Amino acid sequence: MNVEQLTLFDIPAIPFKKQICLSVGEFAKLLASKGLVIGQTRLFNKLRNWKLIDKFNVPYQRYVEAGYFKIINERFTKGGNFPGIYLKILVTPNGQKYIEERLRNEGNGNRS
């Protein structure tokens, strides 16, 4: 099975080193499947409180360089004819491991 063919539901079954980068929302769903019930909004709040991302939800450069996050440009159209670009934040496998461990160590991964 190629990485391109994987769905979110396949991710827990693959070994950690073969995981792919996930959006924060997808990562929140993965955490919920592992027993850490935290939604996308609460996860963003945690990342801001931990000073991993700024108030605009953009990761600080040191965490991008450390390999916790990846930033990509995504295109969108507004009203069908106005092309635009926004930044999409992806959590890398290293970032996924770090955030999950930090949530578990905090002991209240299901609260903000």
PDB file of N, CA and C in Angstrom:
ATOM      1  N   MET A   1       0.854  -1.181   0.000  1.00  0.00           N
ATOM      2  CA  MET A   1       0.000   0.000   0.000  1.00  0.00           C
ATOM      3  C   MET A   1       0.894   1.237   0.000  1.00  0.00           C
ATOM      4  N   ASN A   2       0.648   2.149  -0.899  1.00  0.00           N
ATOM      5  CA  ASN A   2       1.396   3.398  -0.961  1.00  0.00           C
ATOM      6  C   ASN A   2       0.879   4.369   0.084  1.00  0.00           C
ATOM      7  N   VAL A   3       1.747   5.298   0.493  1.00  0.00           N
ATOM      8  CA  VAL A   3       1.354   6.304   1.474  1.00  0.00           C
ATOM      9  C   VAL A   3       0.192   7.131   0.934  1.00  0.00           C
ATOM     10  N   GLU A   4       0.158   7.380  -0.387  1.00  0.00           N
ATOM     11  CA  GLU A   4      -0.901   8.173  -0.988  1.00  0.00           C
ATOM     12  C   GLU A   4      -2.263   7.488  -0.860  1.00  0.00           C
ATOM     13  N   GLN A   5      -2.279   6.169  -0.700  1.00  0.00           N
ATOM     14  CA  GLN A   5      -3.520   5.414  -0.639  1.00  0.00           C
ATOM     15  C   GLN A   5      -4.060   5.287   0.781  1.00  0.00           C
ATOM     16  N   LEU A   6      -3.318   5.758   1.754  1.00  0.00           N
ATOM     17  CA  LEU A   6      -3.730   5.617   3.146  1.00  0.00           C
ATOM     18  C   LEU A   6      -4.849   6.586   3.487  1.00  0.00           C
ATOM     19  N   THR A   7      -5.703   6.171   4.383  1.00  0.00           N
ATOM     20  CA  THR A   7      -6.718   7.058   4.931  1.00  0.00           C
ATOM     21  C   THR A   7      -6.391   7.288   6.394  1.00  0.00           C
ATOM     22  N   LEU A   8      -7.107   8.193   7.009  1.00  0.00           N
ATOM     23  CA  LEU A   8      -6.882   8.492   8.420  1.00  0.00           C
ATOM     24  C   LEU A   8      -7.074   7.255   9.288  1.00  0.00           C
ATOM     25  N   PHE A   9      -7.973   6.367   8.886  1.00  0.00           N
ATOM     26  CA  PHE A   9      -8.254   5.184   9.690  1.00  0.00           C
ATOM     27  C   PHE A   9      -7.144   4.146   9.591  1.00  0.00           C
ATOM     28  N   ASP A  10      -6.271   4.239   8.588  1.00  0.00           N
ATOM     29  CA  ASP A  10      -5.157   3.317   8.441  1.00  0.00           C
ATOM     30  C   ASP A  10      -3.966   3.726   9.299  1.00  0.00           C
ATOM     31  N   ILE A  11      -3.899   4.976   9.703  1.00  0.00           N
ATOM     32  CA  ILE A  11      -2.711   5.515  10.355  1.00  0.00           C
ATOM     33  C   ILE A  11      -2.347   4.787  11.648  1.00  0.00           C
ATOM     34  N   PRO A  12      -3.281   4.470  12.570  1.00  0.00           N
ATOM     35  CA  PRO A  12      -2.860   3.780  13.786  1.00  0.00           C
ATOM     36  C   PRO A  12      -2.244   2.411  13.520  1.00  0.00           C
ATOM     37  N   ALA A  13      -2.524   1.800  12.375  1.00  0.00           N
ATOM     38  CA  ALA A  13      -2.028   0.463  12.089  1.00  0.00           C
ATOM     39  C   ALA A  13      -0.604   0.452  11.541  1.00  0.00           C
ATOM     40  N   ILE A  14      -0.102   1.599  11.058  1.00  0.00           N
ATOM     41  CA  ILE A  14       1.236   1.614  10.484  1.00  0.00           C
ATOM     42  C   ILE A  14       2.267   1.916  11.560  1.00  0.00           C
ATOM     43  N   PRO A  15       3.467   1.388  11.419  1.00  0.00           N
ATOM     44  CA  PRO A  15       4.519   1.680  12.393  1.00  0.00           C
ATOM     45  C   PRO A  15       4.805   3.175  12.474  1.00  0.00           C
ATOM     46  N   PHE A  16       5.262   3.611  13.646  1.00  0.00           N
ATOM     47  CA  PHE A  16       5.454   5.037  13.892  1.00  0.00           C
ATOM     48  C   PHE A  16       6.372   5.690  12.866  1.00  0.00           C
ATOM     49  N   LYS A  17       7.450   5.055  12.492  1.00  0.00           N
ATOM     50  CA  LYS A  17       8.413   5.676  11.584  1.00  0.00           C
ATOM     51  C   LYS A  17       7.857   5.878  10.181  1.00  0.00           C
ATOM     52  N   LYS A  18       6.781   5.181   9.835  1.00  0.00           N
ATOM     53  CA  LYS A  18       6.203   5.310   8.505  1.00  0.00           C
ATOM     54  C   LYS A  18       5.010   6.253   8.484  1.00  0.00           C
ATOM     55  N   GLN A  19       4.696   6.887   9.614  1.00  0.00           N
ATOM     56  CA  GLN A  19       3.563   7.800   9.652  1.00  0.00           C
ATOM     57  C   GLN A  19       3.823   9.005   8.764  1.00  0.00           C
ATOM     58  N   ILE A  20       2.738   9.651   8.392  1.00  0.00           N
ATOM     59  CA  ILE A  20       2.831  10.820   7.542  1.00  0.00           C
ATOM     60  C   ILE A  20       2.461  12.064   8.336  1.00  0.00           C
ATOM     61  N   CYS A  21       2.725  13.214   7.766  1.00  0.00           N
ATOM     62  CA  CYS A  21       2.351  14.477   8.400  1.00  0.00           C
ATOM     63  C   CYS A  21       0.836  14.616   8.377  1.00  0.00           C
ATOM     64  N   LEU A  22       0.278  15.120   9.464  1.00  0.00           N
ATOM     65  CA  LEU A  22      -1.170  15.281   9.592  1.00  0.00           C
ATOM     66  C   LEU A  22      -1.515  16.724   9.902  1.00  0.00           C
ATOM     67  N   SER A  23      -2.689  17.156   9.456  1.00  0.00           N
ATOM     68  CA  SER A  23      -3.176  18.464   9.879  1.00  0.00           C
ATOM     69  C   SER A  23      -3.507  18.378  11.366  1.00  0.00           C
ATOM     70  N   VAL A  24      -3.672  19.518  12.005  1.00  0.00           N
ATOM     71  CA  VAL A  24      -3.959  19.520  13.439  1.00  0.00           C
ATOM     72  C   VAL A  24      -5.297  18.833  13.706  1.00  0.00           C
ATOM     73  N   GLY A  25      -6.289  19.036  12.845  1.00  0.00           N
ATOM     74  CA  GLY A  25      -7.581  18.378  13.012  1.00  0.00           C
ATOM     75  C   GLY A  25      -7.483  16.867  12.892  1.00  0.00           C
ATOM     76  N   GLU A  26      -6.734  16.391  11.889  1.00  0.00           N
ATOM     77  CA  GLU A  26      -6.541  14.947  11.723  1.00  0.00           C
ATOM     78  C   GLU A  26      -5.786  14.365  12.909  1.00  0.00           C
ATOM     79  N   PHE A  27      -4.804  15.114  13.395  1.00  0.00           N
ATOM     80  CA  PHE A  27      -4.031  14.644  14.539  1.00  0.00           C
ATOM     81  C   PHE A  27      -4.898  14.565  15.788  1.00  0.00           C
ATOM     82  N   ALA A  28      -5.814  15.517  15.961  1.00  0.00           N
ATOM     83  CA  ALA A  28      -6.731  15.479  17.107  1.00  0.00           C
ATOM     84  C   ALA A  28      -7.602  14.230  17.043  1.00  0.00           C
ATOM     85  N   LYS A  29      -8.037  13.843  15.831  1.00  0.00           N
ATOM     86  CA  LYS A  29      -8.837  12.623  15.675  1.00  0.00           C
ATOM     87  C   LYS A  29      -7.997  11.388  16.001  1.00  0.00           C
ATOM     88  N   LEU A  30      -6.740  11.393  15.582  1.00  0.00           N
ATOM     89  CA  LEU A  30      -5.851  10.272  15.885  1.00  0.00           C
ATOM     90  C   LEU A  30      -5.646  10.151  17.390  1.00  0.00           C
ATOM     91  N   LEU A  31      -5.466  11.282  18.073  1.00  0.00           N
ATOM     92  CA  LEU A  31      -5.311  11.261  19.529  1.00  0.00           C
ATOM     93  C   LEU A  31      -6.563  10.708  20.194  1.00  0.00           C
ATOM     94  N   ALA A  32      -7.727  11.076  19.676  1.00  0.00           N
ATOM     95  CA  ALA A  32      -8.982  10.569  20.246  1.00  0.00           C
ATOM     96  C   ALA A  32      -9.065   9.058  20.108  1.00  0.00           C
ATOM     97  N   SER A  33      -8.563   8.531  18.992  1.00  0.00           N
ATOM     98  CA  SER A  33      -8.586   7.077  18.812  1.00  0.00           C
ATOM     99  C   SER A  33      -7.622   6.377  19.769  1.00  0.00           C
ATOM    100  N   LYS A  34      -6.655   7.129  20.304  1.00  0.00           N
ATOM    101  CA  LYS A  34      -5.710   6.573  21.273  1.00  0.00           C
ATOM    102  C   LYS A  34      -6.117   6.871  22.714  1.00  0.00           C
ATOM    103  N   GLY A  35      -7.307   7.432  22.909  1.00  0.00           N
ATOM    104  CA  GLY A  35      -7.801   7.673  24.259  1.00  0.00           C
ATOM    105  C   GLY A  35      -7.584   9.072  24.784  1.00  0.00           C
ATOM    106  N   LEU A  36      -6.946   9.937  24.045  1.00  0.00           N
ATOM    107  CA  LEU A  36      -6.769  11.330  24.460  1.00  0.00           C
ATOM    108  C   LEU A  36      -7.827  12.163  23.745  1.00  0.00           C
ATOM    109  N   VAL A  37      -8.969  12.323  24.390  1.00  0.00           N
ATOM    110  CA  VAL A  37     -10.075  13.025  23.753  1.00  0.00           C
ATOM    111  C   VAL A  37      -9.838  14.523  23.854  1.00  0.00           C
ATOM    112  N   ILE A  38      -9.350  15.082  22.767  1.00  0.00           N
ATOM    113  CA  ILE A  38      -9.097  16.516  22.676  1.00  0.00           C
ATOM    114  C   ILE A  38      -9.428  16.900  21.241  1.00  0.00           C
ATOM    115  N   GLY A  39     -10.270  17.886  21.095  1.00  0.00           N
ATOM    116  CA  GLY A  39     -10.669  18.306  19.756  1.00  0.00           C
ATOM    117  C   GLY A  39      -9.642  19.239  19.140  1.00  0.00           C
ATOM    118  N   GLN A  40      -9.906  19.636  17.915  1.00  0.00           N
ATOM    119  CA  GLN A  40      -8.998  20.512  17.187  1.00  0.00           C
ATOM    120  C   GLN A  40      -8.830  21.851  17.898  1.00  0.00           C
ATOM    121  N   THR A  41      -9.925  22.439  18.354  1.00  0.00           N
ATOM    122  CA  THR A  41      -9.857  23.748  19.005  1.00  0.00           C
ATOM    123  C   THR A  41      -9.044  23.682  20.288  1.00  0.00           C
ATOM    124  N   ARG A  42      -9.300  22.674  21.110  1.00  0.00           N
ATOM    125  CA  ARG A  42      -8.545  22.537  22.365  1.00  0.00           C
ATOM    126  C   ARG A  42      -7.075  22.227  22.099  1.00  0.00           C
ATOM    127  N   LEU A  43      -6.812  21.465  21.049  1.00  0.00           N
ATOM    128  CA  LEU A  43      -5.424  21.162  20.709  1.00  0.00           C
ATOM    129  C   LEU A  43      -4.695  22.431  20.280  1.00  0.00           C
ATOM    130  N   PHE A  44      -5.347  23.257  19.473  1.00  0.00           N
ATOM    131  CA  PHE A  44      -4.749  24.540  19.103  1.00  0.00           C
ATOM    132  C   PHE A  44      -4.495  25.390  20.344  1.00  0.00           C
ATOM    133  N   ASN A  45      -5.447  25.398  21.291  1.00  0.00           N
ATOM    134  CA  ASN A  45      -5.254  26.150  22.539  1.00  0.00           C
ATOM    135  C   ASN A  45      -4.053  25.636  23.315  1.00  0.00           C
ATOM    136  N   LYS A  46      -3.907  24.306  23.387  1.00  0.00           N
ATOM    137  CA  LYS A  46      -2.744  23.720  24.078  1.00  0.00           C
ATOM    138  C   LYS A  46      -1.449  24.165  23.411  1.00  0.00           C
ATOM    139  N   LEU A  47      -1.401  24.075  22.086  1.00  0.00           N
ATOM    140  CA  LEU A  47      -0.182  24.437  21.364  1.00  0.00           C
ATOM    141  C   LEU A  47       0.163  25.907  21.575  1.00  0.00           C
ATOM    142  N   ARG A  48      -0.850  26.769  21.654  1.00  0.00           N
ATOM    143  CA  ARG A  48      -0.591  28.191  21.941  1.00  0.00           C
ATOM    144  C   ARG A  48      -0.103  28.365  23.373  1.00  0.00           C
ATOM    145  N   ASN A  49      -0.738  27.674  24.329  1.00  0.00           N
ATOM    146  CA  ASN A  49      -0.328  27.784  25.736  1.00  0.00           C
ATOM    147  C   ASN A  49       1.098  27.286  25.954  1.00  0.00           C
ATOM    148  N   TRP A  50       1.481  26.253  25.205  1.00  0.00           N
ATOM    149  CA  TRP A  50       2.831  25.715  25.313  1.00  0.00           C
ATOM    150  C   TRP A  50       3.844  26.526  24.515  1.00  0.00           C
ATOM    151  N   LYS A  51       3.383  27.568  23.841  1.00  0.00           N
ATOM    152  CA  LYS A  51       4.244  28.450  23.032  1.00  0.00           C
ATOM    153  C   LYS A  51       4.898  27.713  21.867  1.00  0.00           C
ATOM    154  N   LEU A  52       4.179  26.719  21.305  1.00  0.00           N
ATOM    155  CA  LEU A  52       4.654  26.054  20.095  1.00  0.00           C
ATOM    156  C   LEU A  52       4.189  26.794  18.849  1.00  0.00           C
ATOM    157  N   ILE A  53       3.014  27.454  18.961  1.00  0.00           N
ATOM    158  CA  ILE A  53       2.486  28.247  17.854  1.00  0.00           C
ATOM    159  C   ILE A  53       2.115  29.631  18.378  1.00  0.00           C
ATOM    160  N   ASP A  54       2.040  30.610  17.462  1.00  0.00           N
ATOM    161  CA  ASP A  54       1.686  31.970  17.883  1.00  0.00           C
ATOM    162  C   ASP A  54       0.174  32.169  17.843  1.00  0.00           C
ATOM    163  N   LYS A  55      -0.274  33.398  18.082  1.00  0.00           N
ATOM    164  CA  LYS A  55      -1.714  33.668  18.149  1.00  0.00           C
ATOM    165  C   LYS A  55      -2.410  33.521  16.799  1.00  0.00           C
ATOM    166  N   PHE A  56      -1.648  33.455  15.725  1.00  0.00           N
ATOM    167  CA  PHE A  56      -2.204  33.239  14.395  1.00  0.00           C
ATOM    168  C   PHE A  56      -2.104  31.769  13.967  1.00  0.00           C
ATOM    169  N   ASN A  57      -1.797  30.889  14.923  1.00  0.00           N
ATOM    170  CA  ASN A  57      -1.674  29.438  14.715  1.00  0.00           C
ATOM    171  C   ASN A  57      -0.535  29.065  13.774  1.00  0.00           C
ATOM    172  N   VAL A  58       0.502  29.863  13.746  1.00  0.00           N
ATOM    173  CA  VAL A  58       1.689  29.572  12.945  1.00  0.00           C
ATOM    174  C   VAL A  58       2.790  29.108  13.896  1.00  0.00           C
ATOM    175  N   PRO A  59       3.406  27.974  13.618  1.00  0.00           N
ATOM    176  CA  PRO A  59       4.468  27.481  14.512  1.00  0.00           C
ATOM    177  C   PRO A  59       5.669  28.421  14.538  1.00  0.00           C
ATOM    178  N   TYR A  60       6.276  28.511  15.698  1.00  0.00           N
ATOM    179  CA  TYR A  60       7.510  29.280  15.802  1.00  0.00           C
ATOM    180  C   TYR A  60       8.604  28.562  15.019  1.00  0.00           C
ATOM    181  N   GLN A  61       9.513  29.348  14.465  1.00  0.00           N
ATOM    182  CA  GLN A  61      10.531  28.819  13.559  1.00  0.00           C
ATOM    183  C   GLN A  61      11.369  27.714  14.201  1.00  0.00           C
ATOM    184  N   ARG A  62      11.674  27.835  15.489  1.00  0.00           N
ATOM    185  CA  ARG A  62      12.525  26.826  16.126  1.00  0.00           C
ATOM    186  C   ARG A  62      11.859  25.447  16.134  1.00  0.00           C
ATOM    187  N   TYR A  63      10.517  25.406  16.193  1.00  0.00           N
ATOM    188  CA  TYR A  63       9.828  24.117  16.191  1.00  0.00           C
ATOM    189  C   TYR A  63       9.672  23.552  14.784  1.00  0.00           C
ATOM    190  N   VAL A  64       9.654  24.431  13.796  1.00  0.00           N
ATOM    191  CA  VAL A  64       9.687  23.974  12.404  1.00  0.00           C
ATOM    192  C   VAL A  64      11.061  23.375  12.122  1.00  0.00           C
ATOM    193  N   GLU A  65      12.121  24.070  12.557  1.00  0.00           N
ATOM    194  CA  GLU A  65      13.485  23.583  12.350  1.00  0.00           C
ATOM    195  C   GLU A  65      13.760  22.309  13.149  1.00  0.00           C
ATOM    196  N   ALA A  66      13.090  22.161  14.294  1.00  0.00           N
ATOM    197  CA  ALA A  66      13.262  20.951  15.101  1.00  0.00           C
ATOM    198  C   ALA A  66      12.518  19.763  14.495  1.00  0.00           C
ATOM    199  N   GLY A  67      11.696  20.028  13.487  1.00  0.00           N
ATOM    200  CA  GLY A  67      10.999  18.945  12.806  1.00  0.00           C
ATOM    201  C   GLY A  67       9.658  18.576  13.399  1.00  0.00           C
ATOM    202  N   TYR A  68       9.066  19.451  14.213  1.00  0.00           N
ATOM    203  CA  TYR A  68       7.765  19.166  14.803  1.00  0.00           C
ATOM    204  C   TYR A  68       6.614  19.539  13.874  1.00  0.00           C
ATOM    205  N   PHE A  69       6.817  20.561  13.060  1.00  0.00           N
ATOM    206  CA  PHE A  69       5.770  21.047  12.178  1.00  0.00           C
ATOM    207  C   PHE A  69       6.322  21.256  10.775  1.00  0.00           C
ATOM    208  N   LYS A  70       5.406  21.239   9.826  1.00  0.00           N
ATOM    209  CA  LYS A  70       5.723  21.549   8.443  1.00  0.00           C
ATOM    210  C   LYS A  70       4.649  22.523   7.967  1.00  0.00           C
ATOM    211  N   ILE A  71       5.044  23.538   7.235  1.00  0.00           N
ATOM    212  CA  ILE A  71       4.107  24.535   6.739  1.00  0.00           C
ATOM    213  C   ILE A  71       4.051  24.414   5.225  1.00  0.00           C
ATOM    214  N   ILE A  72       2.841  24.282   4.697  1.00  0.00           N
ATOM    215  CA  ILE A  72       2.677  24.210   3.249  1.00  0.00           C
ATOM    216  C   ILE A  72       1.666  25.268   2.815  1.00  0.00           C
ATOM    217  N   ASN A  73       1.719  25.632   1.551  1.00  0.00           N
ATOM    218  CA  ASN A  73       0.757  26.566   0.973  1.00  0.00           C
ATOM    219  C   ASN A  73      -0.365  25.779   0.322  1.00  0.00           C
ATOM    220  N   GLU A  74      -1.586  26.145   0.622  1.00  0.00           N
ATOM    221  CA  GLU A  74      -2.766  25.524   0.020  1.00  0.00           C
ATOM    222  C   GLU A  74      -3.523  26.589  -0.757  1.00  0.00           C
ATOM    223  N   ARG A  75      -4.059  26.221  -1.895  1.00  0.00           N
ATOM    224  CA  ARG A  75      -4.851  27.140  -2.706  1.00  0.00           C
ATOM    225  C   ARG A  75      -6.324  27.012  -2.353  1.00  0.00           C
ATOM    226  N   PHE A  76      -7.041  28.123  -2.512  1.00  0.00           N
ATOM    227  CA  PHE A  76      -8.485  28.112  -2.364  1.00  0.00           C
ATOM    228  C   PHE A  76      -9.071  29.127  -3.327  1.00  0.00           C
ATOM    229  N   THR A  77     -10.346  28.977  -3.604  1.00  0.00           N
ATOM    230  CA  THR A  77     -11.053  29.956  -4.424  1.00  0.00           C
ATOM    231  C   THR A  77     -12.211  30.509  -3.614  1.00  0.00           C
ATOM    232  N   LYS A  78     -12.374  31.791  -3.695  1.00  0.00           N
ATOM    233  CA  LYS A  78     -13.441  32.458  -2.966  1.00  0.00           C
ATOM    234  C   LYS A  78     -14.425  33.004  -3.989  1.00  0.00           C
ATOM    235  N   GLY A  79     -15.638  32.544  -3.934  1.00  0.00           N
ATOM    236  CA  GLY A  79     -16.631  32.974  -4.888  1.00  0.00           C
ATOM    237  C   GLY A  79     -16.409  32.415  -6.281  1.00  0.00           C
ATOM    238  N   GLY A  80     -15.589  31.388  -6.374  1.00  0.00           N
ATOM    239  CA  GLY A  80     -15.380  30.730  -7.650  1.00  0.00           C
ATOM    240  C   GLY A  80     -14.361  31.375  -8.562  1.00  0.00           C
ATOM    241  N   ASN A  81     -13.969  32.615  -8.313  1.00  0.00           N
ATOM    242  CA  ASN A  81     -13.049  33.263  -9.240  1.00  0.00           C
ATOM    243  C   ASN A  81     -11.919  34.029  -8.565  1.00  0.00           C
ATOM    244  N   PHE A  82     -11.806  33.949  -7.273  1.00  0.00           N
ATOM    245  CA  PHE A  82     -10.758  34.681  -6.570  1.00  0.00           C
ATOM    246  C   PHE A  82      -9.773  33.691  -5.965  1.00  0.00           C
ATOM    247  N   PRO A  83      -8.701  33.377  -6.671  1.00  0.00           N
ATOM    248  CA  PRO A  83      -7.755  32.407  -6.113  1.00  0.00           C
ATOM    249  C   PRO A  83      -6.951  33.020  -4.969  1.00  0.00           C
ATOM    250  N   GLY A  84      -6.702  32.218  -3.989  1.00  0.00           N
ATOM    251  CA  GLY A  84      -5.912  32.670  -2.857  1.00  0.00           C
ATOM    252  C   GLY A  84      -5.057  31.535  -2.332  1.00  0.00           C
ATOM    253  N   ILE A  85      -4.169  31.903  -1.422  1.00  0.00           N
ATOM    254  CA  ILE A  85      -3.277  30.918  -0.809  1.00  0.00           C
ATOM    255  C   ILE A  85      -3.318  31.126   0.696  1.00  0.00           C
ATOM    256  N   TYR A  86      -3.377  30.031   1.444  1.00  0.00           N
ATOM    257  CA  TYR A  86      -3.270  30.108   2.889  1.00  0.00           C
ATOM    258  C   TYR A  86      -2.226  29.110   3.361  1.00  0.00           C
ATOM    259  N   LEU A  87      -1.730  29.330   4.554  1.00  0.00           N
ATOM    260  CA  LEU A  87      -0.751  28.424   5.141  1.00  0.00           C
ATOM    261  C   LEU A  87      -1.472  27.287   5.849  1.00  0.00           C
ATOM    262  N   LYS A  88      -1.052  26.083   5.577  1.00  0.00           N
ATOM    263  CA  LYS A  88      -1.598  24.918   6.266  1.00  0.00           C
ATOM    264  C   LYS A  88      -0.509  24.338   7.142  1.00  0.00           C
ATOM    265  N   ILE A  89      -0.834  24.121   8.392  1.00  0.00           N
ATOM    266  CA  ILE A  89       0.122  23.617   9.366  1.00  0.00           C
ATOM    267  C   ILE A  89      -0.040  22.103   9.463  1.00  0.00           C
ATOM    268  N   LEU A  90       1.050  21.377   9.284  1.00  0.00           N
ATOM    269  CA  LEU A  90       1.046  19.920   9.412  1.00  0.00           C
ATOM    270  C   LEU A  90       1.926  19.527  10.588  1.00  0.00           C
ATOM    271  N   VAL A  91       1.496  18.518  11.310  1.00  0.00           N
ATOM    272  CA  VAL A  91       2.273  17.986  12.432  1.00  0.00           C
ATOM    273  C   VAL A  91       3.040  16.778  11.903  1.00  0.00           C
ATOM    274  N   THR A  92       4.362  16.826  12.022  1.00  0.00           N
ATOM    275  CA  THR A  92       5.217  15.738  11.538  1.00  0.00           C
ATOM    276  C   THR A  92       5.176  14.574  12.530  1.00  0.00           C
ATOM    277  N   PRO A  93       5.676  13.412  12.139  1.00  0.00           N
ATOM    278  CA  PRO A  93       5.727  12.292  13.095  1.00  0.00           C
ATOM    279  C   PRO A  93       6.477  12.640  14.381  1.00  0.00           C
ATOM    280  N   ASN A  94       7.581  13.407  14.281  1.00  0.00           N
ATOM    281  CA  ASN A  94       8.299  13.821  15.496  1.00  0.00           C
ATOM    282  C   ASN A  94       7.416  14.708  16.363  1.00  0.00           C
ATOM    283  N   GLY A  95       6.692  15.624  15.737  1.00  0.00           N
ATOM    284  CA  GLY A  95       5.790  16.506  16.469  1.00  0.00           C
ATOM    285  C   GLY A  95       4.642  15.737  17.087  1.00  0.00           C
ATOM    286  N   GLN A  96       4.127  14.748  16.359  1.00  0.00           N
ATOM    287  CA  GLN A  96       3.037  13.930  16.883  1.00  0.00           C
ATOM    288  C   GLN A  96       3.477  13.214  18.160  1.00  0.00           C
ATOM    289  N   LYS A  97       4.668  12.655  18.122  1.00  0.00           N
ATOM    290  CA  LYS A  97       5.193  11.931  19.286  1.00  0.00           C
ATOM    291  C   LYS A  97       5.385  12.893  20.464  1.00  0.00           C
ATOM    292  N   TYR A  98       5.980  14.058  20.184  1.00  0.00           N
ATOM    293  CA  TYR A  98       6.237  15.043  21.235  1.00  0.00           C
ATOM    294  C   TYR A  98       4.939  15.524  21.877  1.00  0.00           C
ATOM    295  N   ILE A  99       3.960  15.885  21.054  1.00  0.00           N
ATOM    296  CA  ILE A  99       2.705  16.423  21.580  1.00  0.00           C
ATOM    297  C   ILE A  99       1.945  15.357  22.348  1.00  0.00           C
ATOM    298  N   GLU A 100       1.903  14.133  21.821  1.00  0.00           N
ATOM    299  CA  GLU A 100       1.194  13.058  22.515  1.00  0.00           C
ATOM    300  C   GLU A 100       1.839  12.773  23.870  1.00  0.00           C
ATOM    301  N   GLU A 101       3.166  12.701  23.916  1.00  0.00           N
ATOM    302  CA  GLU A 101       3.848  12.456  25.195  1.00  0.00           C
ATOM    303  C   GLU A 101       3.582  13.586  26.180  1.00  0.00           C
ATOM    304  N   ARG A 102       3.588  14.821  25.672  1.00  0.00           N
ATOM    305  CA  ARG A 102       3.368  15.963  26.556  1.00  0.00           C
ATOM    306  C   ARG A 102       1.937  15.950  27.107  1.00  0.00           C
ATOM    307  N   LEU A 103       0.976  15.601  26.273  1.00  0.00           N
ATOM    308  CA  LEU A 103      -0.407  15.498  26.746  1.00  0.00           C
ATOM    309  C   LEU A 103      -0.546  14.400  27.798  1.00  0.00           C
ATOM    310  N   ARG A 104       0.078  13.256  27.552  1.00  0.00           N
ATOM    311  CA  ARG A 104      -0.007  12.153  28.516  1.00  0.00           C
ATOM    312  C   ARG A 104       0.687  12.510  29.831  1.00  0.00           C
ATOM    313  N   ASN A 105       1.841  13.195  29.751  1.00  0.00           N
ATOM    314  CA  ASN A 105       2.553  13.601  30.964  1.00  0.00           C
ATOM    315  C   ASN A 105       1.773  14.651  31.746  1.00  0.00           C
ATOM    316  N   GLU A 106       1.026  15.473  31.032  1.00  0.00           N
ATOM    317  CA  GLU A 106       0.229  16.488  31.686  1.00  0.00           C
ATOM    318  C   GLU A 106      -0.905  15.852  32.497  1.00  0.00           C
ATOM    319  N   GLY A 107      -1.326  14.676  32.053  1.00  0.00           N
ATOM    320  CA  GLY A 107      -2.304  13.929  32.816  1.00  0.00           C
ATOM    321  C   GLY A 107      -3.748  14.336  32.593  1.00  0.00           C
ATOM    322  N   ASN A 108      -3.960  15.382  31.830  1.00  0.00           N
ATOM    323  CA  ASN A 108      -5.345  15.784  31.572  1.00  0.00           C
ATOM    324  C   ASN A 108      -5.496  16.115  30.091  1.00  0.00           C
ATOM    325  N   GLY A 109      -5.169  15.166  29.260  1.00  0.00           N
ATOM    326  CA  GLY A 109      -5.251  15.343  27.823  1.00  0.00           C
ATOM    327  C   GLY A 109      -6.651  15.578  27.314  1.00  0.00           C
ATOM    328  N   ASN A 110      -7.649  15.333  28.140  1.00  0.00           N
ATOM    329  CA  ASN A 110      -9.010  15.546  27.667  1.00  0.00           C
ATOM    330  C   ASN A 110      -9.622  16.830  28.224  1.00  0.00           C
ATOM    331  N   ARG A 111      -8.815  17.690  28.755  1.00  0.00           N
ATOM    332  CA  ARG A 111      -9.285  18.991  29.241  1.00  0.00           C
ATOM    333  C   ARG A 111      -8.385  20.073  28.686  1.00  0.00           C
ATOM    334  N   SER A 112      -8.924  21.295  28.615  1.00  0.00           N
ATOM    335  CA  SER A 112      -8.100  22.393  28.082  1.00  0.00           C
ATOM    336  C   SER A 112      -7.271  23.042  29.153  1.00  0.00           C
TER     337      SER A 112
END
